[in-house]
């Protein structure tokens, strides 16, 4: 499933219950127990939707929501969970950037219906492939590294998408040429592919994963997630 949901909830019983129901529906679930952990999980996994409890330790749900909306990535959906039932509380949550607001206690089936309704509106925009903080969104033509946009050329984008779609698979230069120049009208030299990969490596490297695209001596290149 290419839709990842981040569940931010400090109550373990509620968190486990939500996770069980979401995974039964084939969503990938990432968990966080407080606002600081939620920030780390958000940057690493680039979720499609966040289920956010408001009464969190360290950083409140409201503060985390504002932090998310200040990021360059604005398309993530947020469903707030709260025991606050007053109209002004719901209005405030929605104005802070939530897409939906559900009061506690709630039935798991009710939450799942809210998740499905939100993703029907927004989910097609965040279908992606993610490995260790690097995400590629094919529909939007967007690449994110720990939440920050990476500007790639058309050929660099197509190369990265091909690599990330086939992790750990080795491709020769000829295979990569066929992939990014399918209708080539003139000869494409091996060093052209090498130049694309050199630039792509520079743009997607970070301290944790300095060499995501690796050279396989005598064979070609592979993406190491």
Protein backbone atom coordinates (compact mmCIF):
# COMPACT_ATOMS: atom_id res chain seq x y z
CA UNK A 1 0.00 0.00 0.00
CA UNK A 2 1.46 3.42 -0.95
CA UNK A 3 -0.58 5.43 1.57
CA UNK A 4 1.19 5.83 4.89
CA UNK A 5 -0.69 7.08 7.96
CA UNK A 6 1.04 8.60 10.98
CA UNK A 7 -0.85 7.97 14.23
CA UNK A 8 0.16 10.45 16.94
CA UNK A 9 -1.44 9.33 20.21
CA UNK A 10 0.08 8.96 23.68
CA UNK A 11 -2.55 6.48 24.89
CA UNK A 12 -1.16 3.07 23.92
CA UNK A 13 -4.52 1.29 23.95
CA UNK A 14 -6.09 3.82 21.60
CA UNK A 15 -2.98 3.86 19.40
CA UNK A 16 -2.92 0.07 19.12
CA UNK A 17 -6.64 -0.07 18.33
CA UNK A 18 -6.28 2.50 15.55
CA UNK A 19 -3.27 0.67 14.14
CA UNK A 20 -5.08 -2.68 14.07
CA UNK A 21 -8.04 -1.28 12.14
CA UNK A 22 -5.91 0.66 9.68
CA UNK A 23 -3.59 -2.25 8.94
CA UNK A 24 -6.60 -4.51 8.35
CA UNK A 25 -7.49 -2.10 5.55
CA UNK A 26 -3.93 -2.34 4.19
CA UNK A 27 -2.68 1.08 5.20
CA UNK A 28 0.92 1.37 6.33
CA UNK A 29 0.94 2.72 9.89
CA UNK A 30 3.69 4.71 11.62
CA UNK A 31 3.29 5.54 15.32
CA UNK A 32 4.40 8.41 17.55
CA UNK A 33 3.67 8.96 21.25
CA UNK A 34 4.45 12.68 21.52
CA UNK A 35 4.95 15.78 19.41
CA UNK A 36 8.73 15.51 19.13
CA UNK A 37 8.57 11.88 18.02
CA UNK A 38 5.84 12.88 15.57
CA UNK A 39 8.14 15.44 13.94
CA UNK A 40 10.84 12.82 13.41
CA UNK A 41 8.33 10.31 11.99
CA UNK A 42 6.84 12.94 9.70
CA UNK A 43 10.19 13.87 8.19
CA UNK A 44 11.31 10.26 7.77
CA UNK A 45 8.14 8.66 6.42
CA UNK A 46 6.33 11.55 4.69
CA UNK A 47 2.83 10.25 5.58
CA UNK A 48 -0.20 10.78 3.42
CA UNK A 49 -2.42 11.41 6.43
CA UNK A 50 -1.90 12.18 10.13
CA UNK A 51 -4.30 11.09 12.86
CA UNK A 52 -3.45 13.58 15.58
CA UNK A 53 -4.40 13.57 19.25
CA UNK A 54 -4.41 17.11 20.65
CA UNK A 55 -3.45 16.36 24.28
CA UNK A 56 0.16 15.34 23.71
CA UNK A 57 3.26 15.57 25.92
CA UNK A 58 6.21 17.83 24.98
CA UNK A 59 4.50 19.44 21.97
CA UNK A 60 0.72 19.80 21.78
CA UNK A 61 -1.28 18.54 18.85
CA UNK A 62 -2.16 22.10 17.91
CA UNK A 63 1.51 23.11 17.86
CA UNK A 64 2.42 20.07 15.79
CA UNK A 65 -0.37 20.85 13.32
CA UNK A 66 0.93 24.40 12.86
CA UNK A 67 4.48 23.06 12.39
CA UNK A 68 3.30 20.66 9.66
CA UNK A 69 1.43 23.39 7.81
CA UNK A 70 4.53 25.57 7.86
CA UNK A 71 6.54 22.91 6.04
CA UNK A 72 7.06 23.01 2.27
CA UNK A 73 4.89 19.90 1.99
CA UNK A 74 1.29 21.10 2.37
CA UNK A 75 -0.64 18.18 0.89
CA UNK A 76 -0.62 15.88 3.93
CA UNK A 77 -4.10 15.49 5.45
CA UNK A 78 -4.76 15.80 9.19
CA UNK A 79 -7.59 14.31 11.25
CA UNK A 80 -7.64 15.68 14.79
CA UNK A 81 -8.77 13.54 17.73
CA UNK A 82 -9.88 15.27 20.90
CA UNK A 83 -12.07 14.99 23.98
CA UNK A 84 -12.90 18.68 23.46
CA UNK A 85 -16.45 18.76 22.13
CA UNK A 86 -17.22 22.47 22.07
CA UNK A 87 -17.92 24.04 18.69
CA UNK A 88 -15.17 26.62 19.19
CA UNK A 89 -12.63 23.83 19.78
CA UNK A 90 -13.56 22.16 16.49
CA UNK A 91 -13.49 25.48 14.64
CA UNK A 92 -10.06 26.29 16.08
CA UNK A 93 -8.71 22.89 15.04
CA UNK A 94 -9.95 23.30 11.49
CA UNK A 95 -8.55 26.82 11.28
CA UNK A 96 -5.15 25.59 12.42
CA UNK A 97 -5.05 23.32 9.39
CA UNK A 98 -6.94 20.12 10.18
CA UNK A 99 -8.99 18.53 7.40
CA UNK A 100 -11.33 16.77 9.81
CA UNK A 101 -12.10 16.66 13.55
CA UNK A 102 -13.34 13.64 15.50
CA UNK A 103 -14.29 13.73 19.18
CA UNK A 104 -13.44 11.05 21.74
CA UNK A 105 -14.71 8.51 22.49
CA UNK A 106 -15.22 7.17 18.96
CA UNK A 107 -15.81 3.83 17.31
CA UNK A 108 -12.93 2.48 15.18
CA UNK A 109 -15.30 2.01 12.24
CA UNK A 110 -16.24 5.69 12.49
CA UNK A 111 -12.58 6.77 12.38
CA UNK A 112 -11.94 4.47 9.42
CA UNK A 113 -14.86 6.06 7.56
CA UNK A 114 -13.37 9.52 8.22
CA UNK A 115 -9.96 8.33 6.96
CA UNK A 116 -11.47 6.94 3.77
CA UNK A 117 -13.48 10.12 3.18
CA UNK A 118 -10.45 12.39 3.60
CA UNK A 119 -8.24 10.23 1.38
CA UNK A 120 -10.89 10.14 -1.34
CA UNK A 121 -10.42 13.90 -1.58
CA UNK A 122 -6.67 14.12 -1.13
CA UNK A 123 -5.07 10.69 -1.33
CA UNK A 124 -4.36 10.68 -5.05
CA UNK A 125 -2.00 13.60 -4.60
CA UNK A 126 0.32 11.88 -2.13
CA UNK A 127 0.76 8.42 -3.59
CA UNK A 128 4.46 7.93 -3.44
CA UNK A 129 7.50 5.73 -2.91
CA UNK A 130 9.49 6.44 0.26
CA UNK A 131 12.81 5.12 1.56
CA UNK A 132 14.53 6.60 4.60
CA UNK A 133 13.32 10.16 4.24
CA UNK A 134 13.46 10.26 0.44
CA UNK A 135 10.05 10.37 -1.26
CA UNK A 136 9.05 10.58 -4.89
CA UNK A 137 5.50 11.57 -5.84
CA UNK A 138 4.90 10.53 -9.42
CA UNK A 139 1.56 12.24 -9.95
CA UNK A 140 2.87 15.58 -8.70
CA UNK A 141 6.35 15.19 -10.20
CA UNK A 142 7.79 15.99 -6.80
CA UNK A 143 10.77 14.71 -4.82
CA UNK A 144 11.17 15.37 -1.09
CA UNK A 145 14.19 14.77 1.12
CA UNK A 146 13.13 14.83 4.77
CA UNK A 147 10.24 17.09 3.83
CA UNK A 148 12.21 19.57 1.74
CA UNK A 149 11.66 19.73 -2.00
CA UNK A 150 14.48 18.59 -4.30
CA UNK A 151 14.59 20.19 -7.74
CA UNK A 152 15.37 17.63 -10.44
CA UNK A 153 15.48 17.77 -14.21
CA UNK A 154 13.10 15.57 -16.21
CA UNK A 155 15.80 12.96 -16.84
CA UNK A 156 16.95 12.98 -13.21
CA UNK A 157 13.37 12.53 -12.03
CA UNK A 158 12.76 9.61 -14.41
CA UNK A 159 16.01 7.97 -13.35
CA UNK A 160 15.19 8.29 -9.66
CA UNK A 161 11.68 6.96 -10.16
CA UNK A 162 13.03 3.95 -12.06
CA UNK A 163 15.62 3.24 -9.37
CA UNK A 164 13.17 3.64 -6.46
CA UNK A 165 10.64 1.41 -8.20
CA UNK A 166 13.25 -1.36 -8.33
CA UNK A 167 15.35 -1.14 -5.13
CA UNK A 168 18.59 -3.16 -5.06
CA UNK A 169 18.19 -4.16 -8.72
CA UNK A 170 21.25 -3.56 -10.91
CA UNK A 171 20.76 -1.75 -14.23
CA UNK A 172 23.31 -1.43 -17.02
CA UNK A 173 23.91 1.91 -18.67
CA UNK A 174 22.15 0.66 -21.82
CA UNK A 175 19.06 -0.25 -19.79
CA UNK A 176 19.03 3.19 -18.18
CA UNK A 177 19.40 4.87 -21.57
CA UNK A 178 16.36 2.95 -22.83
CA UNK A 179 14.44 3.99 -19.73
CA UNK A 180 14.99 7.74 -19.91
CA UNK A 181 15.48 8.13 -23.69
CA UNK A 182 12.83 5.71 -25.06
CA UNK A 183 12.47 7.56 -28.36
CA UNK A 184 16.05 8.69 -28.79
CA UNK A 185 16.77 10.08 -32.22
CA UNK A 186 20.55 10.11 -31.79
CA UNK A 187 23.17 8.11 -29.94
CA UNK A 188 23.29 8.62 -26.18
CA UNK A 189 26.76 8.05 -24.76
CA UNK A 190 27.47 6.13 -21.56
CA UNK A 191 28.97 9.23 -20.01
CA UNK A 192 25.62 11.00 -20.43
CA UNK A 193 24.05 8.53 -17.99
CA UNK A 194 27.08 8.88 -15.72
CA UNK A 195 26.64 12.66 -15.70
CA UNK A 196 22.92 12.40 -14.85
CA UNK A 197 23.66 10.02 -11.99
CA UNK A 198 26.48 12.19 -10.63
CA UNK A 199 24.16 15.21 -10.44
CA UNK A 200 21.31 13.12 -9.01
CA UNK A 201 23.57 11.71 -6.28
CA UNK A 202 24.56 15.21 -5.21
CA UNK A 203 20.95 16.34 -4.98
CA UNK A 204 19.64 13.41 -2.89
CA UNK A 205 22.59 12.69 -0.61
CA UNK A 206 22.45 13.30 3.13
CA UNK A 207 24.52 12.33 6.15
CA UNK A 208 22.48 9.21 6.89
CA UNK A 209 22.44 7.93 3.30
CA UNK A 210 25.36 9.51 1.41
CA UNK A 211 25.28 6.96 -1.44
CA UNK A 212 21.73 5.94 -2.27
CA UNK A 213 22.69 5.21 -5.88
CA UNK A 214 25.62 2.82 -5.91
CA UNK A 215 28.02 1.78 -8.66
CA UNK A 216 28.25 -1.97 -9.25
CA UNK A 217 31.65 -2.51 -10.83
CA UNK A 218 31.50 -4.01 -14.32
CA UNK A 219 27.68 -4.03 -14.32
CA UNK A 220 26.05 -0.65 -13.76
CA UNK A 221 24.10 1.07 -11.00
CA UNK A 222 21.55 0.22 -8.31
CA UNK A 223 19.43 2.08 -5.76
CA UNK A 224 20.24 1.08 -2.17
CA UNK A 225 17.33 2.11 0.08
